[in-house]
Amino acid sequence: MIELRLGNVVIFLPKPNTKFNYMNNVIIKDNAFLRQFEATVNGQLAKIEYSSQERKVFLTKLVVPEEIDLEGFKEDFIKSVLHHIQEQNLRVVPTSPQIAGFLRKNRQYKEMLPVGIRI
């Protein structure tokens, strides 16, 4: 993943020659001002709202409009955000039920949880 910073906005782009899927065409932005990760698909905004405290990121809300609720989009969006958080060497606290459910199903992200947090 290639990270491009423009002021308070961080844009994540896939590395060249990565395996193609529709998420490779989606730019995910870390809008630090609004404290949300954003992805625009077909003119619709999907977002994961967050708050930060110390070395933890609290993922508080997942919003995906029905128009872009494509097969697997939510999971790929969450994976991309988690990948970014992991690269920053931060811990994740999923307070959104949808994101907590994703982490429950995908135990490979368990190491991203802070000590004492179980889902």
PDB file of N, CA and C in Angstrom:
ATOM      1  N   MET A   1       0.838  -1.160   0.000  1.00  0.00           N
ATOM      2  CA  MET A   1       0.000   0.000   0.000  1.00  0.00           C
ATOM      3  C   MET A   1       0.897   1.241   0.000  1.00  0.00           C
ATOM      4  N   ILE A   2       0.615   2.175  -0.859  1.00  0.00           N
ATOM      5  CA  ILE A   2       1.368   3.419  -0.949  1.00  0.00           C
ATOM      6  C   ILE A   2       0.571   4.504  -0.248  1.00  0.00           C
ATOM      7  N   GLU A   3       1.225   5.259   0.614  1.00  0.00           N
ATOM      8  CA  GLU A   3       0.559   6.299   1.390  1.00  0.00           C
ATOM      9  C   GLU A   3       0.970   7.657   0.838  1.00  0.00           C
ATOM     10  N   LEU A   4      -0.017   8.506   0.557  1.00  0.00           N
ATOM     11  CA  LEU A   4       0.220   9.841   0.043  1.00  0.00           C
ATOM     12  C   LEU A   4      -0.445  10.826   0.982  1.00  0.00           C
ATOM     13  N   ARG A   5       0.312  11.769   1.538  1.00  0.00           N
ATOM     14  CA  ARG A   5      -0.230  12.743   2.488  1.00  0.00           C
ATOM     15  C   ARG A   5      -0.425  14.090   1.799  1.00  0.00           C
ATOM     16  N   LEU A   6      -1.624  14.641   1.972  1.00  0.00           N
ATOM     17  CA  LEU A   6      -1.954  15.971   1.463  1.00  0.00           C
ATOM     18  C   LEU A   6      -2.556  16.758   2.609  1.00  0.00           C
ATOM     19  N   GLY A   7      -1.739  17.478   3.347  1.00  0.00           N
ATOM     20  CA  GLY A   7      -2.227  18.200   4.522  1.00  0.00           C
ATOM     21  C   GLY A   7      -2.722  17.218   5.560  1.00  0.00           C
ATOM     22  N   ASN A   8      -3.990  17.364   5.969  1.00  0.00           N
ATOM     23  CA  ASN A   8      -4.584  16.479   6.965  1.00  0.00           C
ATOM     24  C   ASN A   8      -5.179  15.214   6.359  1.00  0.00           C
ATOM     25  N   VAL A   9      -5.127  15.083   5.042  1.00  0.00           N
ATOM     26  CA  VAL A   9      -5.740  13.937   4.368  1.00  0.00           C
ATOM     27  C   VAL A   9      -4.657  12.957   3.949  1.00  0.00           C
ATOM     28  N   VAL A  10      -4.874  11.697   4.244  1.00  0.00           N
ATOM     29  CA  VAL A  10      -3.956  10.637   3.824  1.00  0.00           C
ATOM     30  C   VAL A  10      -4.689   9.780   2.808  1.00  0.00           C
ATOM     31  N   ILE A  11      -4.068   9.562   1.654  1.00  0.00           N
ATOM     32  CA  ILE A  11      -4.672   8.748   0.600  1.00  0.00           C
ATOM     33  C   ILE A  11      -3.867   7.463   0.491  1.00  0.00           C
ATOM     34  N   PHE A  12      -4.563   6.326   0.468  1.00  0.00           N
ATOM     35  CA  PHE A  12      -3.915   5.028   0.347  1.00  0.00           C
ATOM     36  C   PHE A  12      -4.155   4.503  -1.059  1.00  0.00           C
ATOM     37  N   LEU A  13      -3.074   4.167  -1.721  1.00  0.00           N
ATOM     38  CA  LEU A  13      -3.167   3.622  -3.069  1.00  0.00           C
ATOM     39  C   LEU A  13      -2.535   2.244  -3.071  1.00  0.00           C
ATOM     40  N   PRO A  14      -3.074   1.328  -3.864  1.00  0.00           N
ATOM     41  CA  PRO A  14      -2.460  -0.005  -3.919  1.00  0.00           C
ATOM     42  C   PRO A  14      -1.092   0.066  -4.583  1.00  0.00           C
ATOM     43  N   LYS A  15      -0.215  -0.835  -4.184  1.00  0.00           N
ATOM     44  CA  LYS A  15       1.100  -0.911  -4.821  1.00  0.00           C
ATOM     45  C   LYS A  15       0.911  -1.386  -6.251  1.00  0.00           C
ATOM     46  N   PRO A  16       1.777  -0.942  -7.152  1.00  0.00           N
ATOM     47  CA  PRO A  16       1.679  -1.416  -8.539  1.00  0.00           C
ATOM     48  C   PRO A  16       1.804  -2.933  -8.610  1.00  0.00           C
ATOM     49  N   ASN A  17       1.147  -3.513  -9.592  1.00  0.00           N
ATOM     50  CA  ASN A  17       1.192  -4.952  -9.860  1.00  0.00           C
ATOM     51  C   ASN A  17       0.550  -5.796  -8.770  1.00  0.00           C
ATOM     52  N   THR A  18      -0.372  -5.220  -7.984  1.00  0.00           N
ATOM     53  CA  THR A  18      -1.085  -6.036  -7.015  1.00  0.00           C
ATOM     54  C   THR A  18      -2.232  -6.734  -7.719  1.00  0.00           C
ATOM     55  N   LYS A  19      -2.686  -7.830  -7.139  1.00  0.00           N
ATOM     56  CA  LYS A  19      -3.792  -8.582  -7.714  1.00  0.00           C
ATOM     57  C   LYS A  19      -5.018  -7.673  -7.788  1.00  0.00           C
ATOM     58  N   PHE A  20      -5.707  -7.686  -8.907  1.00  0.00           N
ATOM     59  CA  PHE A  20      -6.820  -6.764  -9.118  1.00  0.00           C
ATOM     60  C   PHE A  20      -8.089  -7.248  -8.432  1.00  0.00           C
ATOM     61  N   ASN A  21      -8.730  -6.346  -7.729  1.00  0.00           N
ATOM     62  CA  ASN A  21     -10.123  -6.499  -7.325  1.00  0.00           C
ATOM     63  C   ASN A  21     -10.703  -5.101  -7.284  1.00  0.00           C
ATOM     64  N   TYR A  22     -11.996  -4.958  -7.094  1.00  0.00           N
ATOM     65  CA  TYR A  22     -12.597  -3.640  -7.196  1.00  0.00           C
ATOM     66  C   TYR A  22     -12.083  -2.677  -6.136  1.00  0.00           C
ATOM     67  N   MET A  23     -11.563  -3.173  -4.992  1.00  0.00           N
ATOM     68  CA  MET A  23     -11.023  -2.275  -3.973  1.00  0.00           C
ATOM     69  C   MET A  23      -9.743  -1.611  -4.456  1.00  0.00           C
ATOM     70  N   ASN A  24      -9.042  -2.190  -5.443  1.00  0.00           N
ATOM     71  CA  ASN A  24      -7.837  -1.557  -5.962  1.00  0.00           C
ATOM     72  C   ASN A  24      -8.153  -0.251  -6.668  1.00  0.00           C
ATOM     73  N   ASN A  25      -9.395  -0.067  -7.081  1.00  0.00           N
ATOM     74  CA  ASN A  25      -9.801   1.163  -7.751  1.00  0.00           C
ATOM     75  C   ASN A  25     -10.412   2.165  -6.785  1.00  0.00           C
ATOM     76  N   VAL A  26     -10.488   1.841  -5.520  1.00  0.00           N
ATOM     77  CA  VAL A  26     -11.096   2.707  -4.528  1.00  0.00           C
ATOM     78  C   VAL A  26     -10.002   3.362  -3.701  1.00  0.00           C
ATOM     79  N   ILE A  27     -10.062   4.675  -3.585  1.00  0.00           N
ATOM     80  CA  ILE A  27      -9.101   5.411  -2.772  1.00  0.00           C
ATOM     81  C   ILE A  27      -9.703   5.594  -1.385  1.00  0.00           C
ATOM     82  N   ILE A  28      -8.967   5.168  -0.374  1.00  0.00           N
ATOM     83  CA  ILE A  28      -9.419   5.321   1.008  1.00  0.00           C
ATOM     84  C   ILE A  28      -8.620   6.461   1.625  1.00  0.00           C
ATOM     85  N   LYS A  29      -9.332   7.431   2.169  1.00  0.00           N
ATOM     86  CA  LYS A  29      -8.700   8.606   2.768  1.00  0.00           C
ATOM     87  C   LYS A  29      -8.889   8.584   4.271  1.00  0.00           C
ATOM     88  N   ASP A  30      -7.852   8.984   4.988  1.00  0.00           N
ATOM     89  CA  ASP A  30      -7.958   9.199   6.424  1.00  0.00           C
ATOM     90  C   ASP A  30      -8.217  10.685   6.612  1.00  0.00           C
ATOM     91  N   ASN A  31      -9.468  11.053   6.815  1.00  0.00           N
ATOM     92  CA  ASN A  31      -9.830  12.443   7.024  1.00  0.00           C
ATOM     93  C   ASN A  31      -9.688  12.720   8.519  1.00  0.00           C
ATOM     94  N   ALA A  32      -8.508  13.182   8.917  1.00  0.00           N
ATOM     95  CA  ALA A  32      -8.212  13.397  10.338  1.00  0.00           C
ATOM     96  C   ALA A  32      -9.081  14.495  10.936  1.00  0.00           C
ATOM     97  N   PHE A  33      -9.476  15.481  10.130  1.00  0.00           N
ATOM     98  CA  PHE A  33     -10.303  16.573  10.637  1.00  0.00           C
ATOM     99  C   PHE A  33     -11.667  16.054  11.099  1.00  0.00           C
ATOM    100  N   LEU A  34     -12.298  15.211  10.272  1.00  0.00           N
ATOM    101  CA  LEU A  34     -13.597  14.633  10.628  1.00  0.00           C
ATOM    102  C   LEU A  34     -13.456  13.318  11.386  1.00  0.00           C
ATOM    103  N   ARG A  35     -12.229  12.849  11.565  1.00  0.00           N
ATOM    104  CA  ARG A  35     -11.932  11.590  12.240  1.00  0.00           C
ATOM    105  C   ARG A  35     -12.715  10.439  11.627  1.00  0.00           C
ATOM    106  N   GLN A  36     -12.473  10.236  10.338  1.00  0.00           N
ATOM    107  CA  GLN A  36     -13.103   9.117   9.644  1.00  0.00           C
ATOM    108  C   GLN A  36     -12.272   8.703   8.446  1.00  0.00           C
ATOM    109  N   PHE A  37     -12.299   7.388   8.181  1.00  0.00           N
ATOM    110  CA  PHE A  37     -11.726   6.857   6.957  1.00  0.00           C
ATOM    111  C   PHE A  37     -12.843   6.902   5.926  1.00  0.00           C
ATOM    112  N   GLU A  38     -12.523   7.363   4.716  1.00  0.00           N
ATOM    113  CA  GLU A  38     -13.543   7.561   3.691  1.00  0.00           C
ATOM    114  C   GLU A  38     -13.174   6.839   2.407  1.00  0.00           C
ATOM    115  N   ALA A  39     -14.192   6.315   1.743  1.00  0.00           N
ATOM    116  CA  ALA A  39     -14.039   5.724   0.415  1.00  0.00           C
ATOM    117  C   ALA A  39     -15.249   6.146  -0.405  1.00  0.00           C
ATOM    118  N   THR A  40     -15.002   6.691  -1.584  1.00  0.00           N
ATOM    119  CA  THR A  40     -16.092   7.109  -2.460  1.00  0.00           C
ATOM    120  C   THR A  40     -16.193   6.128  -3.613  1.00  0.00           C
ATOM    121  N   VAL A  41     -17.388   5.550  -3.757  1.00  0.00           N
ATOM    122  CA  VAL A  41     -17.658   4.593  -4.830  1.00  0.00           C
ATOM    123  C   VAL A  41     -18.941   5.036  -5.519  1.00  0.00           C
ATOM    124  N   ASN A  42     -18.861   5.225  -6.831  1.00  0.00           N
ATOM    125  CA  ASN A  42     -20.024   5.654  -7.616  1.00  0.00           C
ATOM    126  C   ASN A  42     -20.677   6.903  -7.028  1.00  0.00           C
ATOM    127  N   GLY A  43     -19.873   7.826  -6.545  1.00  0.00           N
ATOM    128  CA  GLY A  43     -20.394   9.074  -5.990  1.00  0.00           C
ATOM    129  C   GLY A  43     -20.969   8.960  -4.592  1.00  0.00           C
ATOM    130  N   GLN A  44     -20.906   7.779  -3.996  1.00  0.00           N
ATOM    131  CA  GLN A  44     -21.436   7.550  -2.646  1.00  0.00           C
ATOM    132  C   GLN A  44     -20.280   7.416  -1.661  1.00  0.00           C
ATOM    133  N   LEU A  45     -20.450   7.980  -0.467  1.00  0.00           N
ATOM    134  CA  LEU A  45     -19.392   7.977   0.534  1.00  0.00           C
ATOM    135  C   LEU A  45     -19.617   6.875   1.565  1.00  0.00           C
ATOM    136  N   ALA A  46     -18.658   5.980   1.682  1.00  0.00           N
ATOM    137  CA  ALA A  46     -18.625   4.993   2.763  1.00  0.00           C
ATOM    138  C   ALA A  46     -17.608   5.495   3.768  1.00  0.00           C
ATOM    139  N   LYS A  47     -17.876   5.281   5.057  1.00  0.00           N
ATOM    140  CA  LYS A  47     -16.943   5.797   6.054  1.00  0.00           C
ATOM    141  C   LYS A  47     -16.904   4.920   7.296  1.00  0.00           C
ATOM    142  N   ILE A  48     -15.756   4.965   7.938  1.00  0.00           N
ATOM    143  CA  ILE A  48     -15.575   4.360   9.250  1.00  0.00           C
ATOM    144  C   ILE A  48     -15.134   5.491  10.168  1.00  0.00           C
ATOM    145  N   GLU A  49     -15.986   5.825  11.115  1.00  0.00           N
ATOM    146  CA  GLU A  49     -15.667   6.893  12.051  1.00  0.00           C
ATOM    147  C   GLU A  49     -14.786   6.340  13.156  1.00  0.00           C
ATOM    148  N   TYR A  50     -13.899   7.182  13.678  1.00  0.00           N
ATOM    149  CA  TYR A  50     -12.978   6.722  14.713  1.00  0.00           C
ATOM    150  C   TYR A  50     -12.651   7.851  15.678  1.00  0.00           C
ATOM    151  N   SER A  51     -12.076   7.460  16.789  1.00  0.00           N
ATOM    152  CA  SER A  51     -11.451   8.411  17.709  1.00  0.00           C
ATOM    153  C   SER A  51     -10.127   7.798  18.139  1.00  0.00           C
ATOM    154  N   SER A  52      -9.192   8.645  18.488  1.00  0.00           N
ATOM    155  CA  SER A  52      -7.862   8.179  18.874  1.00  0.00           C
ATOM    156  C   SER A  52      -7.569   8.584  20.305  1.00  0.00           C
ATOM    157  N   GLN A  53      -6.888   7.687  20.989  1.00  0.00           N
ATOM    158  CA  GLN A  53      -6.455   7.972  22.354  1.00  0.00           C
ATOM    159  C   GLN A  53      -5.158   7.217  22.568  1.00  0.00           C
ATOM    160  N   GLU A  54      -4.107   7.938  22.925  1.00  0.00           N
ATOM    161  CA  GLU A  54      -2.783   7.353  23.093  1.00  0.00           C
ATOM    162  C   GLU A  54      -2.419   6.568  21.843  1.00  0.00           C
ATOM    163  N   ARG A  55      -2.147   5.296  21.943  1.00  0.00           N
ATOM    164  CA  ARG A  55      -1.750   4.465  20.792  1.00  0.00           C
ATOM    165  C   ARG A  55      -2.887   3.553  20.361  1.00  0.00           C
ATOM    166  N   LYS A  56      -4.137   3.996  20.609  1.00  0.00           N
ATOM    167  CA  LYS A  56      -5.307   3.184  20.268  1.00  0.00           C
ATOM    168  C   LYS A  56      -6.217   3.955  19.319  1.00  0.00           C
ATOM    169  N   VAL A  57      -6.839   3.200  18.410  1.00  0.00           N
ATOM    170  CA  VAL A  57      -7.841   3.763  17.513  1.00  0.00           C
ATOM    171  C   VAL A  57      -9.151   3.051  17.812  1.00  0.00           C
ATOM    172  N   PHE A  58     -10.159   3.817  18.217  1.00  0.00           N
ATOM    173  CA  PHE A  58     -11.487   3.289  18.498  1.00  0.00           C
ATOM    174  C   PHE A  58     -12.316   3.427  17.225  1.00  0.00           C
ATOM    175  N   LEU A  59     -12.667   2.292  16.614  1.00  0.00           N
ATOM    176  CA  LEU A  59     -13.496   2.302  15.410  1.00  0.00           C
ATOM    177  C   LEU A  59     -14.946   2.288  15.864  1.00  0.00           C
ATOM    178  N   THR A  60     -15.607   3.446  15.741  1.00  0.00           N
ATOM    179  CA  THR A  60     -16.899   3.644  16.392  1.00  0.00           C
ATOM    180  C   THR A  60     -18.115   3.414  15.512  1.00  0.00           C
ATOM    181  N   LYS A  61     -17.980   3.602  14.203  1.00  0.00           N
ATOM    182  CA  LYS A  61     -19.167   3.484  13.363  1.00  0.00           C
ATOM    183  C   LYS A  61     -18.775   3.184  11.926  1.00  0.00           C
ATOM    184  N   LEU A  62     -19.500   2.252  11.310  1.00  0.00           N
ATOM    185  CA  LEU A  62     -19.318   1.909   9.901  1.00  0.00           C
ATOM    186  C   LEU A  62     -20.576   2.333   9.156  1.00  0.00           C
ATOM    187  N   VAL A  63     -20.404   3.170   8.143  1.00  0.00           N
ATOM    188  CA  VAL A  63     -21.540   3.629   7.343  1.00  0.00           C
ATOM    189  C   VAL A  63     -21.248   3.320   5.883  1.00  0.00           C
ATOM    190  N   VAL A  64     -22.063   2.431   5.298  1.00  0.00           N
ATOM    191  CA  VAL A  64     -21.952   2.089   3.882  1.00  0.00           C
ATOM    192  C   VAL A  64     -23.335   2.246   3.266  1.00  0.00           C
ATOM    193  N   PRO A  65     -23.520   3.231   2.364  1.00  0.00           N
ATOM    194  CA  PRO A  65     -24.825   3.410   1.717  1.00  0.00           C
ATOM    195  C   PRO A  65     -25.263   2.163   0.960  1.00  0.00           C
ATOM    196  N   GLU A  66     -26.551   1.941   0.905  1.00  0.00           N
ATOM    197  CA  GLU A  66     -27.088   0.753   0.220  1.00  0.00           C
ATOM    198  C   GLU A  66     -26.647   0.678  -1.237  1.00  0.00           C
ATOM    199  N   GLU A  67     -26.464   1.830  -1.878  1.00  0.00           N
ATOM    200  CA  GLU A  67     -26.084   1.855  -3.299  1.00  0.00           C
ATOM    201  C   GLU A  67     -24.717   1.224  -3.548  1.00  0.00           C
ATOM    202  N   ILE A  68     -23.845   1.238  -2.547  1.00  0.00           N
ATOM    203  CA  ILE A  68     -22.506   0.657  -2.750  1.00  0.00           C
ATOM    204  C   ILE A  68     -22.244  -0.538  -1.839  1.00  0.00           C
ATOM    205  N   ASP A  69     -23.282  -1.074  -1.249  1.00  0.00           N
ATOM    206  CA  ASP A  69     -23.127  -2.237  -0.381  1.00  0.00           C
ATOM    207  C   ASP A  69     -22.959  -3.473  -1.256  1.00  0.00           C
ATOM    208  N   LEU A  70     -21.831  -3.489  -1.975  1.00  0.00           N
ATOM    209  CA  LEU A  70     -21.526  -4.572  -2.904  1.00  0.00           C
ATOM    210  C   LEU A  70     -21.055  -5.801  -2.153  1.00  0.00           C
ATOM    211  N   GLU A  71     -21.062  -6.916  -2.817  1.00  0.00           N
ATOM    212  CA  GLU A  71     -20.578  -8.172  -2.243  1.00  0.00           C
ATOM    213  C   GLU A  71     -19.144  -8.015  -1.769  1.00  0.00           C
ATOM    214  N   GLY A  72     -18.940  -8.136  -0.494  1.00  0.00           N
ATOM    215  CA  GLY A  72     -17.600  -8.081   0.064  1.00  0.00           C
ATOM    216  C   GLY A  72     -17.017  -6.693   0.258  1.00  0.00           C
ATOM    217  N   PHE A  73     -17.727  -5.637  -0.121  1.00  0.00           N
ATOM    218  CA  PHE A  73     -17.157  -4.294   0.008  1.00  0.00           C
ATOM    219  C   PHE A  73     -16.858  -3.942   1.455  1.00  0.00           C
ATOM    220  N   LYS A  74     -17.813  -4.197   2.352  1.00  0.00           N
ATOM    221  CA  LYS A  74     -17.603  -3.849   3.763  1.00  0.00           C
ATOM    222  C   LYS A  74     -16.356  -4.532   4.314  1.00  0.00           C
ATOM    223  N   GLU A  75     -16.223  -5.824   4.036  1.00  0.00           N
ATOM    224  CA  GLU A  75     -15.059  -6.562   4.546  1.00  0.00           C
ATOM    225  C   GLU A  75     -13.756  -6.019   3.979  1.00  0.00           C
ATOM    226  N   ASP A  76     -13.727  -5.739   2.680  1.00  0.00           N
ATOM    227  CA  ASP A  76     -12.506  -5.205   2.072  1.00  0.00           C
ATOM    228  C   ASP A  76     -12.192  -3.803   2.608  1.00  0.00           C
ATOM    229  N   PHE A  77     -13.218  -3.006   2.843  1.00  0.00           N
ATOM    230  CA  PHE A  77     -13.037  -1.660   3.391  1.00  0.00           C
ATOM    231  C   PHE A  77     -12.451  -1.755   4.805  1.00  0.00           C
ATOM    232  N   ILE A  78     -13.022  -2.622   5.627  1.00  0.00           N
ATOM    233  CA  ILE A  78     -12.515  -2.801   6.995  1.00  0.00           C
ATOM    234  C   ILE A  78     -11.078  -3.322   6.963  1.00  0.00           C
ATOM    235  N   LYS A  79     -10.799  -4.311   6.094  1.00  0.00           N
ATOM    236  CA  LYS A  79      -9.437  -4.851   5.991  1.00  0.00           C
ATOM    237  C   LYS A  79      -8.435  -3.765   5.616  1.00  0.00           C
ATOM    238  N   SER A  80      -8.801  -2.900   4.674  1.00  0.00           N
ATOM    239  CA  SER A  80      -7.901  -1.833   4.243  1.00  0.00           C
ATOM    240  C   SER A  80      -7.609  -0.864   5.378  1.00  0.00           C
ATOM    241  N   VAL A  81      -8.640  -0.517   6.140  1.00  0.00           N
ATOM    242  CA  VAL A  81      -8.458   0.395   7.273  1.00  0.00           C
ATOM    243  C   VAL A  81      -7.597  -0.267   8.349  1.00  0.00           C
ATOM    244  N   LEU A  82      -7.863  -1.536   8.640  1.00  0.00           N
ATOM    245  CA  LEU A  82      -7.064  -2.249   9.634  1.00  0.00           C
ATOM    246  C   LEU A  82      -5.598  -2.353   9.198  1.00  0.00           C
ATOM    247  N   HIS A  83      -5.382  -2.562   7.909  1.00  0.00           N
ATOM    248  CA  HIS A  83      -4.017  -2.640   7.389  1.00  0.00           C
ATOM    249  C   HIS A  83      -3.283  -1.319   7.636  1.00  0.00           C
ATOM    250  N   HIS A  84      -3.962  -0.213   7.370  1.00  0.00           N
ATOM    251  CA  HIS A  84      -3.356   1.098   7.615  1.00  0.00           C
ATOM    252  C   HIS A  84      -3.029   1.290   9.094  1.00  0.00           C
ATOM    253  N   ILE A  85      -3.953   0.933   9.960  1.00  0.00           N
ATOM    254  CA  ILE A  85      -3.748   1.082  11.402  1.00  0.00           C
ATOM    255  C   ILE A  85      -2.582   0.201  11.853  1.00  0.00           C
ATOM    256  N   GLN A  86      -2.502  -0.999  11.310  1.00  0.00           N
ATOM    257  CA  GLN A  86      -1.420  -1.918  11.648  1.00  0.00           C
ATOM    258  C   GLN A  86      -0.059  -1.358  11.213  1.00  0.00           C
ATOM    259  N   GLU A  87      -0.006  -0.735  10.045  1.00  0.00           N
ATOM    260  CA  GLU A  87       1.238  -0.126   9.570  1.00  0.00           C
ATOM    261  C   GLU A  87       1.692   1.017  10.481  1.00  0.00           C
ATOM    262  N   GLN A  88       0.750   1.679  11.135  1.00  0.00           N
ATOM    263  CA  GLN A  88       1.070   2.764  12.061  1.00  0.00           C
ATOM    264  C   GLN A  88       1.467   2.233  13.438  1.00  0.00           C
ATOM    265  N   ASN A  89       1.424   0.905  13.586  1.00  0.00           N
ATOM    266  CA  ASN A  89       1.748   0.237  14.854  1.00  0.00           C
ATOM    267  C   ASN A  89       0.843   0.705  15.996  1.00  0.00           C
ATOM    268  N   LEU A  90      -0.452   0.828  15.679  1.00  0.00           N
ATOM    269  CA  LEU A  90      -1.443   1.231  16.663  1.00  0.00           C
ATOM    270  C   LEU A  90      -2.322   0.039  17.016  1.00  0.00           C
ATOM    271  N   ARG A  91      -3.030   0.127  18.118  1.00  0.00           N
ATOM    272  CA  ARG A  91      -3.980  -0.901  18.546  1.00  0.00           C
ATOM    273  C   ARG A  91      -5.392  -0.480  18.142  1.00  0.00           C
ATOM    274  N   VAL A  92      -6.280  -1.458  18.010  1.00  0.00           N
ATOM    275  CA  VAL A  92      -7.656  -1.212  17.577  1.00  0.00           C
ATOM    276  C   VAL A  92      -8.625  -1.624  18.679  1.00  0.00           C
ATOM    277  N   VAL A  93      -9.595  -0.754  18.934  1.00  0.00           N
ATOM    278  CA  VAL A  93     -10.696  -1.084  19.835  1.00  0.00           C
ATOM    279  C   VAL A  93     -11.981  -0.933  19.020  1.00  0.00           C
ATOM    280  N   PRO A  94     -12.596  -2.056  18.626  1.00  0.00           N
ATOM    281  CA  PRO A  94     -13.798  -1.976  17.796  1.00  0.00           C
ATOM    282  C   PRO A  94     -15.046  -1.749  18.665  1.00  0.00           C
ATOM    283  N   THR A  95     -15.581  -0.538  18.640  1.00  0.00           N
ATOM    284  CA  THR A  95     -16.812  -0.282  19.387  1.00  0.00           C
ATOM    285  C   THR A  95     -18.046  -0.406  18.491  1.00  0.00           C
ATOM    286  N   SER A  96     -17.843  -0.450  17.194  1.00  0.00           N
ATOM    287  CA  SER A  96     -18.940  -0.689  16.253  1.00  0.00           C
ATOM    288  C   SER A  96     -19.246  -2.183  16.227  1.00  0.00           C
ATOM    289  N   PRO A  97     -20.522  -2.567  16.375  1.00  0.00           N
ATOM    290  CA  PRO A  97     -20.877  -3.996  16.338  1.00  0.00           C
ATOM    291  C   PRO A  97     -20.466  -4.688  15.034  1.00  0.00           C
ATOM    292  N   GLN A  98     -20.566  -3.978  13.904  1.00  0.00           N
ATOM    293  CA  GLN A  98     -20.199  -4.581  12.619  1.00  0.00           C
ATOM    294  C   GLN A  98     -18.702  -4.859  12.546  1.00  0.00           C
ATOM    295  N   ILE A  99     -17.897  -3.936  13.035  1.00  0.00           N
ATOM    296  CA  ILE A  99     -16.455  -4.112  12.985  1.00  0.00           C
ATOM    297  C   ILE A  99     -16.017  -5.157  14.015  1.00  0.00           C
ATOM    298  N   ALA A 100     -16.643  -5.157  15.189  1.00  0.00           N
ATOM    299  CA  ALA A 100     -16.342  -6.188  16.192  1.00  0.00           C
ATOM    300  C   ALA A 100     -16.675  -7.570  15.638  1.00  0.00           C
ATOM    301  N   GLY A 101     -17.802  -7.697  14.943  1.00  0.00           N
ATOM    302  CA  GLY A 101     -18.185  -8.961  14.326  1.00  0.00           C
ATOM    303  C   GLY A 101     -17.176  -9.405  13.275  1.00  0.00           C
ATOM    304  N   PHE A 102     -16.667  -8.451  12.504  1.00  0.00           N
ATOM    305  CA  PHE A 102     -15.639  -8.773  11.508  1.00  0.00           C
ATOM    306  C   PHE A 102     -14.392  -9.315  12.192  1.00  0.00           C
ATOM    307  N   LEU A 103     -13.954  -8.667  13.274  1.00  0.00           N
ATOM    308  CA  LEU A 103     -12.756  -9.123  13.988  1.00  0.00           C
ATOM    309  C   LEU A 103     -12.971 -10.490  14.631  1.00  0.00           C
ATOM    310  N   ARG A 104     -14.198 -10.758  15.080  1.00  0.00           N
ATOM    311  CA  ARG A 104     -14.509 -12.071  15.650  1.00  0.00           C
ATOM    312  C   ARG A 104     -14.340 -13.172  14.600  1.00  0.00           C
ATOM    313  N   LYS A 105     -14.760 -12.887  13.369  1.00  0.00           N
ATOM    314  CA  LYS A 105     -14.677 -13.866  12.287  1.00  0.00           C
ATOM    315  C   LYS A 105     -13.264 -13.991  11.723  1.00  0.00           C
ATOM    316  N   ASN A 106     -12.488 -12.934  11.825  1.00  0.00           N
ATOM    317  CA  ASN A 106     -11.148 -12.893  11.236  1.00  0.00           C
ATOM    318  C   ASN A 106     -10.123 -12.760  12.351  1.00  0.00           C
ATOM    319  N   ARG A 107      -9.813 -13.874  12.967  1.00  0.00           N
ATOM    320  CA  ARG A 107      -8.972 -13.896  14.161  1.00  0.00           C
ATOM    321  C   ARG A 107      -7.535 -13.450  13.897  1.00  0.00           C
ATOM    322  N   GLN A 108      -7.121 -13.356  12.615  1.00  0.00           N
ATOM    323  CA  GLN A 108      -5.751 -12.919  12.333  1.00  0.00           C
ATOM    324  C   GLN A 108      -5.511 -11.478  12.776  1.00  0.00           C
ATOM    325  N   TYR A 109      -6.574 -10.721  13.046  1.00  0.00           N
ATOM    326  CA  TYR A 109      -6.428  -9.347  13.521  1.00  0.00           C
ATOM    327  C   TYR A 109      -6.433  -9.255  15.048  1.00  0.00           C
ATOM    328  N   LYS A 110      -6.496 -10.391  15.717  1.00  0.00           N
ATOM    329  CA  LYS A 110      -6.568 -10.417  17.181  1.00  0.00           C
ATOM    330  C   LYS A 110      -5.377  -9.705  17.822  1.00  0.00           C
ATOM    331  N   GLU A 111      -4.193  -9.822  17.220  1.00  0.00           N
ATOM    332  CA  GLU A 111      -3.002  -9.201  17.802  1.00  0.00           C
ATOM    333  C   GLU A 111      -3.079  -7.674  17.797  1.00  0.00           C
ATOM    334  N   MET A 112      -4.023  -7.098  17.049  1.00  0.00           N
ATOM    335  CA  MET A 112      -4.177  -5.646  17.017  1.00  0.00           C
ATOM    336  C   MET A 112      -4.962  -5.111  18.217  1.00  0.00           C
ATOM    337  N   LEU A 113      -5.608  -6.012  18.955  1.00  0.00           N
ATOM    338  CA  LEU A 113      -6.385  -5.581  20.116  1.00  0.00           C
ATOM    339  C   LEU A 113      -5.455  -5.240  21.277  1.00  0.00           C
ATOM    340  N   PRO A 114      -5.786  -4.215  22.059  1.00  0.00           N
ATOM    341  CA  PRO A 114      -4.962  -3.895  23.236  1.00  0.00           C
ATOM    342  C   PRO A 114      -5.073  -5.002  24.287  1.00  0.00           C
ATOM    343  N   VAL A 115      -4.095  -5.057  25.175  1.00  0.00           N
ATOM    344  CA  VAL A 115      -4.104  -6.029  26.247  1.00  0.00           C
ATOM    345  C   VAL A 115      -5.379  -5.845  27.068  1.00  0.00           C
ATOM    346  N   GLY A 116      -6.056  -6.951  27.363  1.00  0.00           N
ATOM    347  CA  GLY A 116      -7.269  -6.912  28.184  1.00  0.00           C
ATOM    348  C   GLY A 116      -8.560  -6.768  27.397  1.00  0.00           C
ATOM    349  N   ILE A 117      -8.487  -6.493  26.091  1.00  0.00           N
ATOM    350  CA  ILE A 117      -9.688  -6.375  25.261  1.00  0.00           C
ATOM    351  C   ILE A 117      -9.901  -7.702  24.552  1.00  0.00           C
ATOM    352  N   ARG A 118     -11.086  -8.274  24.764  1.00  0.00           N
ATOM    353  CA  ARG A 118     -11.455  -9.521  24.087  1.00  0.00           C
ATOM    354  C   ARG A 118     -12.763  -9.312  23.392  1.00  0.00           C
ATOM    355  N   ILE A 119     -12.886  -9.947  22.218  1.00  0.00           N
ATOM    356  CA  ILE A 119     -14.146  -9.851  21.493  1.00  0.00           C
ATOM    357  C   ILE A 119     -14.666 -11.236  21.166  1.00  0.00           C
TER     358      ILE A 119
END
